[in-house]
């Protein structure tokens, strides 16, 4: 199975960024260093994104602080150190909260998420 961080980043790309239709090119760009016409960010299918959505909503119902740190980090791209400054906490404390939130998400998606070889 893919790493949780990769899945959450792909979830952000699916939910926040607008797709342009060239996310999954049929061929590589060809010449190394040439300007690429394709967007190589990872995306989830709609079914996979819905599984992650449900896990994130379950996290919100279970622990709002963990949900806020997770969504701030992934959806709003606010670093742990910046969140720590805003909340008046240590960076390590926010990092631990983020890790706990990622583990929560992992626990809720592990059985439902398609396994990738």
N, C-alpha and C. Protein backbone atom coordinates (compact mmCIF):
# COMPACT_ATOMS: atom_id res chain seq x y z
N UNK A 1 0.84 -1.19 0.00
CA UNK A 1 0.00 0.00 0.00
C UNK A 1 0.88 1.24 0.00
N UNK A 2 0.41 2.29 -0.60
CA UNK A 2 1.15 3.54 -0.66
C UNK A 2 1.28 4.15 0.73
N UNK A 3 2.24 5.02 0.88
CA UNK A 3 2.44 5.72 2.15
C UNK A 3 1.27 6.66 2.41
N UNK A 4 0.94 6.85 3.67
CA UNK A 4 -0.18 7.71 4.06
C UNK A 4 0.06 9.14 3.61
N UNK A 5 1.28 9.63 3.76
CA UNK A 5 1.59 11.00 3.34
C UNK A 5 1.35 11.18 1.84
N UNK A 6 1.71 10.18 1.04
CA UNK A 6 1.49 10.24 -0.40
C UNK A 6 0.00 10.24 -0.72
N UNK A 7 -0.75 9.43 -0.01
CA UNK A 7 -2.20 9.36 -0.22
C UNK A 7 -2.84 10.70 0.14
N UNK A 8 -2.44 11.29 1.27
CA UNK A 8 -3.01 12.57 1.68
C UNK A 8 -2.61 13.70 0.74
N UNK A 9 -1.41 13.66 0.21
CA UNK A 9 -0.99 14.67 -0.76
C UNK A 9 -1.79 14.52 -2.05
N UNK A 10 -1.99 13.29 -2.50
CA UNK A 10 -2.80 13.04 -3.70
C UNK A 10 -4.25 13.45 -3.45
N UNK A 11 -4.74 13.25 -2.22
CA UNK A 11 -6.09 13.68 -1.84
C UNK A 11 -6.21 15.19 -1.96
N UNK A 12 -5.19 15.91 -1.47
CA UNK A 12 -5.18 17.37 -1.60
C UNK A 12 -5.22 17.77 -3.07
N UNK A 13 -4.39 17.14 -3.89
CA UNK A 13 -4.37 17.45 -5.32
C UNK A 13 -5.72 17.20 -5.97
N UNK A 14 -6.40 16.14 -5.54
CA UNK A 14 -7.70 15.80 -6.09
C UNK A 14 -8.77 16.79 -5.67
N UNK A 15 -8.73 17.21 -4.42
CA UNK A 15 -9.79 18.07 -3.89
C UNK A 15 -9.55 19.56 -4.08
N UNK A 16 -8.31 20.00 -4.10
CA UNK A 16 -8.02 21.43 -4.13
C UNK A 16 -7.63 21.92 -5.52
N UNK A 17 -6.73 21.21 -6.18
CA UNK A 17 -6.21 21.67 -7.46
C UNK A 17 -7.16 21.32 -8.59
N UNK A 18 -7.17 22.18 -9.58
CA UNK A 18 -8.01 21.92 -10.74
C UNK A 18 -7.27 21.01 -11.71
N UNK A 19 -7.95 20.01 -12.19
CA UNK A 19 -7.35 19.10 -13.17
C UNK A 19 -7.48 19.70 -14.55
N UNK A 20 -6.45 19.45 -15.36
CA UNK A 20 -6.48 19.98 -16.72
C UNK A 20 -6.54 18.89 -17.77
N UNK A 21 -6.53 17.64 -17.34
CA UNK A 21 -6.67 16.53 -18.28
C UNK A 21 -5.37 15.92 -18.74
N UNK A 22 -4.23 16.48 -18.29
CA UNK A 22 -2.94 15.93 -18.71
C UNK A 22 -2.18 15.37 -17.52
N UNK A 23 -2.88 14.97 -16.47
CA UNK A 23 -2.22 14.50 -15.26
C UNK A 23 -1.50 13.18 -15.45
N UNK A 24 -2.01 12.32 -16.32
CA UNK A 24 -1.43 11.01 -16.53
C UNK A 24 -1.05 10.86 -18.01
N UNK A 25 0.14 11.31 -18.38
CA UNK A 25 0.52 11.26 -19.78
C UNK A 25 0.76 9.82 -20.24
N UNK A 26 0.57 9.59 -21.52
CA UNK A 26 0.79 8.27 -22.09
C UNK A 26 2.27 7.98 -22.28
N UNK A 27 3.07 9.00 -22.51
CA UNK A 27 4.50 8.84 -22.72
C UNK A 27 5.25 9.82 -21.84
N UNK A 28 6.53 9.56 -21.64
CA UNK A 28 7.35 10.49 -20.88
C UNK A 28 7.65 11.71 -21.74
N UNK A 29 8.18 12.74 -21.12
CA UNK A 29 8.45 13.98 -21.82
C UNK A 29 9.51 13.83 -22.90
N UNK A 30 10.34 12.82 -22.80
CA UNK A 30 11.30 12.57 -23.86
C UNK A 30 12.69 13.08 -23.53
N UNK A 31 12.95 14.32 -23.78
CA UNK A 31 14.28 14.88 -23.60
C UNK A 31 14.43 15.38 -22.17
N UNK A 32 15.49 14.93 -21.51
CA UNK A 32 15.76 15.34 -20.13
C UNK A 32 16.08 16.83 -20.12
N UNK A 33 15.44 17.58 -19.25
CA UNK A 33 15.67 19.01 -19.13
C UNK A 33 14.73 19.85 -19.98
N UNK A 34 14.00 19.22 -20.87
CA UNK A 34 13.07 19.96 -21.70
C UNK A 34 11.86 20.36 -20.87
N UNK A 35 11.20 21.42 -21.28
CA UNK A 35 10.00 21.88 -20.59
C UNK A 35 8.92 20.81 -20.73
N UNK A 36 8.32 20.42 -19.63
CA UNK A 36 7.31 19.36 -19.66
C UNK A 36 5.93 19.98 -19.80
N UNK A 37 5.15 19.38 -20.67
CA UNK A 37 3.79 19.86 -20.91
C UNK A 37 2.77 19.19 -20.01
N UNK A 38 3.24 18.31 -19.13
CA UNK A 38 2.32 17.52 -18.34
C UNK A 38 2.42 17.86 -16.86
N UNK A 39 1.36 17.62 -16.15
CA UNK A 39 1.30 17.79 -14.71
C UNK A 39 1.52 16.40 -14.10
N UNK A 40 2.62 16.22 -13.38
CA UNK A 40 2.97 14.90 -12.85
C UNK A 40 2.56 14.71 -11.39
N UNK A 41 1.70 15.57 -10.88
CA UNK A 41 1.22 15.38 -9.51
C UNK A 41 0.33 14.15 -9.45
N UNK A 42 0.37 13.50 -8.31
CA UNK A 42 -0.46 12.31 -8.10
C UNK A 42 -1.88 12.73 -7.72
N UNK A 43 -2.83 12.00 -8.22
CA UNK A 43 -4.24 12.23 -7.92
C UNK A 43 -4.87 10.91 -7.50
N UNK A 44 -5.99 11.00 -6.82
CA UNK A 44 -6.77 9.82 -6.45
C UNK A 44 -7.97 9.71 -7.37
N UNK A 45 -8.48 8.51 -7.50
CA UNK A 45 -9.76 8.37 -8.20
C UNK A 45 -10.84 8.95 -7.29
N UNK A 46 -12.00 9.17 -7.84
CA UNK A 46 -13.08 9.74 -7.04
C UNK A 46 -13.47 8.80 -5.89
N UNK A 47 -13.43 7.49 -6.12
CA UNK A 47 -13.76 6.52 -5.07
C UNK A 47 -12.72 6.57 -3.95
N UNK A 48 -11.44 6.64 -4.32
CA UNK A 48 -10.37 6.72 -3.33
C UNK A 48 -10.47 8.03 -2.53
N UNK A 49 -10.74 9.13 -3.23
CA UNK A 49 -10.87 10.43 -2.56
C UNK A 49 -12.04 10.41 -1.58
N UNK A 50 -13.12 9.74 -1.94
CA UNK A 50 -14.28 9.64 -1.04
C UNK A 50 -13.94 8.85 0.21
N UNK A 51 -13.13 7.81 0.08
CA UNK A 51 -12.68 7.04 1.25
C UNK A 51 -11.89 7.92 2.20
N UNK A 52 -10.97 8.72 1.64
CA UNK A 52 -10.17 9.62 2.47
C UNK A 52 -11.06 10.70 3.07
N UNK A 53 -12.00 11.25 2.29
CA UNK A 53 -12.95 12.25 2.82
C UNK A 53 -13.67 11.72 4.05
N UNK A 54 -14.16 10.49 3.96
CA UNK A 54 -14.89 9.89 5.08
C UNK A 54 -13.99 9.72 6.29
N UNK A 55 -12.74 9.31 6.07
CA UNK A 55 -11.79 9.15 7.18
C UNK A 55 -11.50 10.49 7.84
N UNK A 56 -11.34 11.54 7.04
CA UNK A 56 -11.06 12.87 7.58
C UNK A 56 -12.27 13.40 8.36
N UNK A 57 -13.48 13.14 7.86
CA UNK A 57 -14.68 13.56 8.60
C UNK A 57 -14.83 12.78 9.91
N UNK A 58 -14.45 11.52 9.90
CA UNK A 58 -14.46 10.73 11.14
C UNK A 58 -13.45 11.29 12.13
N UNK A 59 -12.29 11.70 11.64
CA UNK A 59 -11.28 12.32 12.51
C UNK A 59 -11.83 13.61 13.11
N UNK A 60 -12.53 14.40 12.31
CA UNK A 60 -13.11 15.66 12.82
C UNK A 60 -14.10 15.39 13.94
N UNK A 61 -14.91 14.36 13.77
CA UNK A 61 -15.87 14.01 14.81
C UNK A 61 -15.18 13.47 16.06
N UNK A 62 -14.05 12.79 15.88
CA UNK A 62 -13.34 12.17 16.99
C UNK A 62 -12.43 13.15 17.73
N UNK A 63 -11.68 13.98 16.98
CA UNK A 63 -10.72 14.89 17.61
C UNK A 63 -10.51 16.10 16.70
N UNK A 64 -11.14 17.20 17.05
CA UNK A 64 -11.11 18.41 16.22
C UNK A 64 -9.70 18.99 16.11
N UNK A 65 -8.93 18.92 17.19
CA UNK A 65 -7.57 19.47 17.15
C UNK A 65 -6.71 18.72 16.14
N UNK A 66 -6.79 17.41 16.14
CA UNK A 66 -6.03 16.61 15.19
C UNK A 66 -6.48 16.90 13.76
N UNK A 67 -7.79 17.03 13.57
CA UNK A 67 -8.34 17.35 12.25
C UNK A 67 -7.84 18.71 11.77
N UNK A 68 -7.82 19.70 12.66
CA UNK A 68 -7.38 21.04 12.28
C UNK A 68 -5.91 21.05 11.87
N UNK A 69 -5.07 20.35 12.61
CA UNK A 69 -3.65 20.28 12.26
C UNK A 69 -3.47 19.57 10.93
N UNK A 70 -4.14 18.44 10.73
CA UNK A 70 -4.02 17.67 9.50
C UNK A 70 -4.48 18.47 8.28
N UNK A 71 -5.66 19.07 8.36
CA UNK A 71 -6.17 19.81 7.21
C UNK A 71 -5.38 21.09 6.96
N UNK A 72 -4.89 21.72 8.01
CA UNK A 72 -4.05 22.91 7.83
C UNK A 72 -2.76 22.54 7.12
N UNK A 73 -2.18 21.41 7.49
CA UNK A 73 -0.92 20.98 6.88
C UNK A 73 -1.11 20.56 5.43
N UNK A 74 -2.10 19.74 5.16
CA UNK A 74 -2.27 19.20 3.82
C UNK A 74 -3.07 20.10 2.88
N UNK A 75 -4.19 20.62 3.32
CA UNK A 75 -5.04 21.40 2.43
C UNK A 75 -4.61 22.86 2.32
N UNK A 76 -4.13 23.43 3.41
CA UNK A 76 -3.74 24.85 3.41
C UNK A 76 -2.24 25.05 3.33
N UNK A 77 -1.48 23.95 3.37
CA UNK A 77 -0.02 23.96 3.28
C UNK A 77 0.63 24.86 4.34
N UNK A 78 0.12 24.78 5.58
CA UNK A 78 0.70 25.51 6.70
C UNK A 78 1.62 24.54 7.44
N UNK A 79 2.90 24.89 7.52
CA UNK A 79 3.88 23.99 8.12
C UNK A 79 3.61 23.80 9.62
N UNK A 80 4.19 22.75 10.16
CA UNK A 80 4.04 22.47 11.59
C UNK A 80 4.64 23.59 12.43
N UNK A 81 5.77 24.14 12.01
CA UNK A 81 6.40 25.22 12.78
C UNK A 81 5.54 26.48 12.78
N UNK A 82 4.92 26.78 11.65
CA UNK A 82 4.04 27.95 11.60
C UNK A 82 2.78 27.73 12.45
N UNK A 83 2.23 26.53 12.39
CA UNK A 83 1.08 26.22 13.24
C UNK A 83 1.45 26.34 14.72
N UNK A 84 2.67 25.89 15.05
CA UNK A 84 3.13 25.96 16.44
C UNK A 84 3.24 27.41 16.89
N UNK A 85 3.78 28.27 16.03
CA UNK A 85 3.89 29.70 16.39
C UNK A 85 2.51 30.31 16.60
N UNK A 86 1.59 30.00 15.72
CA UNK A 86 0.23 30.55 15.81
C UNK A 86 -0.46 30.08 17.08
N UNK A 87 -0.31 28.80 17.41
CA UNK A 87 -0.99 28.21 18.57
C UNK A 87 -0.22 28.38 19.87
N UNK A 88 1.01 28.87 19.79
CA UNK A 88 1.82 29.04 21.00
C UNK A 88 2.28 27.71 21.58
N UNK A 89 2.56 26.75 20.72
CA UNK A 89 3.02 25.43 21.15
C UNK A 89 4.39 25.17 20.54
N UNK A 90 5.01 24.08 20.98
CA UNK A 90 6.28 23.69 20.39
C UNK A 90 6.04 22.94 19.08
N UNK A 91 6.98 23.07 18.17
CA UNK A 91 6.87 22.41 16.87
C UNK A 91 6.75 20.90 17.02
N UNK A 92 7.50 20.33 17.97
CA UNK A 92 7.45 18.88 18.16
C UNK A 92 6.06 18.43 18.59
N UNK A 93 5.37 19.25 19.35
CA UNK A 93 4.01 18.91 19.77
C UNK A 93 3.06 18.86 18.58
N UNK A 94 3.16 19.84 17.69
CA UNK A 94 2.32 19.87 16.49
C UNK A 94 2.67 18.70 15.57
N UNK A 95 3.95 18.39 15.46
CA UNK A 95 4.39 17.27 14.64
C UNK A 95 3.83 15.96 15.17
N UNK A 96 3.80 15.80 16.49
CA UNK A 96 3.22 14.59 17.09
C UNK A 96 1.72 14.51 16.82
N UNK A 97 1.04 15.64 16.88
CA UNK A 97 -0.40 15.67 16.59
C UNK A 97 -0.64 15.28 15.14
N UNK A 98 0.17 15.82 14.23
CA UNK A 98 0.04 15.49 12.81
C UNK A 98 0.27 14.00 12.58
N UNK A 99 1.29 13.45 13.21
CA UNK A 99 1.58 12.02 13.07
C UNK A 99 0.42 11.18 13.59
N UNK A 100 -0.15 11.57 14.72
CA UNK A 100 -1.30 10.84 15.28
C UNK A 100 -2.50 10.92 14.33
N UNK A 101 -2.70 12.08 13.73
CA UNK A 101 -3.81 12.25 12.79
C UNK A 101 -3.59 11.39 11.54
N UNK A 102 -2.34 11.34 11.05
CA UNK A 102 -2.04 10.50 9.89
C UNK A 102 -2.25 9.02 10.22
N UNK A 103 -1.89 8.62 11.42
CA UNK A 103 -2.11 7.23 11.84
C UNK A 103 -3.60 6.91 11.93
N UNK A 104 -4.38 7.86 12.41
CA UNK A 104 -5.83 7.70 12.48
C UNK A 104 -6.40 7.48 11.08
N UNK A 105 -5.98 8.32 10.13
CA UNK A 105 -6.44 8.20 8.75
C UNK A 105 -6.03 6.85 8.18
N UNK A 106 -4.78 6.47 8.41
CA UNK A 106 -4.26 5.19 7.91
C UNK A 106 -5.12 4.03 8.42
N UNK A 107 -5.45 4.08 9.72
CA UNK A 107 -6.26 3.02 10.31
C UNK A 107 -7.65 2.92 9.69
N UNK A 108 -8.19 4.06 9.23
CA UNK A 108 -9.53 4.04 8.65
C UNK A 108 -9.55 3.70 7.17
N UNK A 109 -8.42 3.88 6.47
CA UNK A 109 -8.44 3.62 5.03
C UNK A 109 -7.76 2.32 4.65
N UNK A 110 -7.03 1.70 5.56
CA UNK A 110 -6.19 0.55 5.21
C UNK A 110 -6.98 -0.61 4.60
N UNK A 111 -8.15 -0.89 5.10
CA UNK A 111 -8.95 -2.01 4.58
C UNK A 111 -9.73 -1.62 3.33
N UNK A 112 -10.05 -0.33 3.20
CA UNK A 112 -10.91 0.11 2.10
C UNK A 112 -10.13 0.56 0.88
N UNK A 113 -8.88 0.97 1.09
CA UNK A 113 -8.09 1.53 0.00
C UNK A 113 -7.53 0.41 -0.87
N UNK A 114 -7.59 0.57 -2.17
CA UNK A 114 -7.05 -0.46 -3.07
C UNK A 114 -5.56 -0.66 -2.82
N UNK A 115 -5.16 -1.89 -2.81
CA UNK A 115 -3.74 -2.19 -2.61
C UNK A 115 -3.01 -2.07 -3.94
N UNK A 116 -1.87 -1.39 -3.88
CA UNK A 116 -1.06 -1.18 -5.08
C UNK A 116 0.21 -1.99 -4.92
N UNK A 117 0.56 -2.78 -5.91
CA UNK A 117 1.75 -3.63 -5.85
C UNK A 117 3.01 -2.81 -5.92
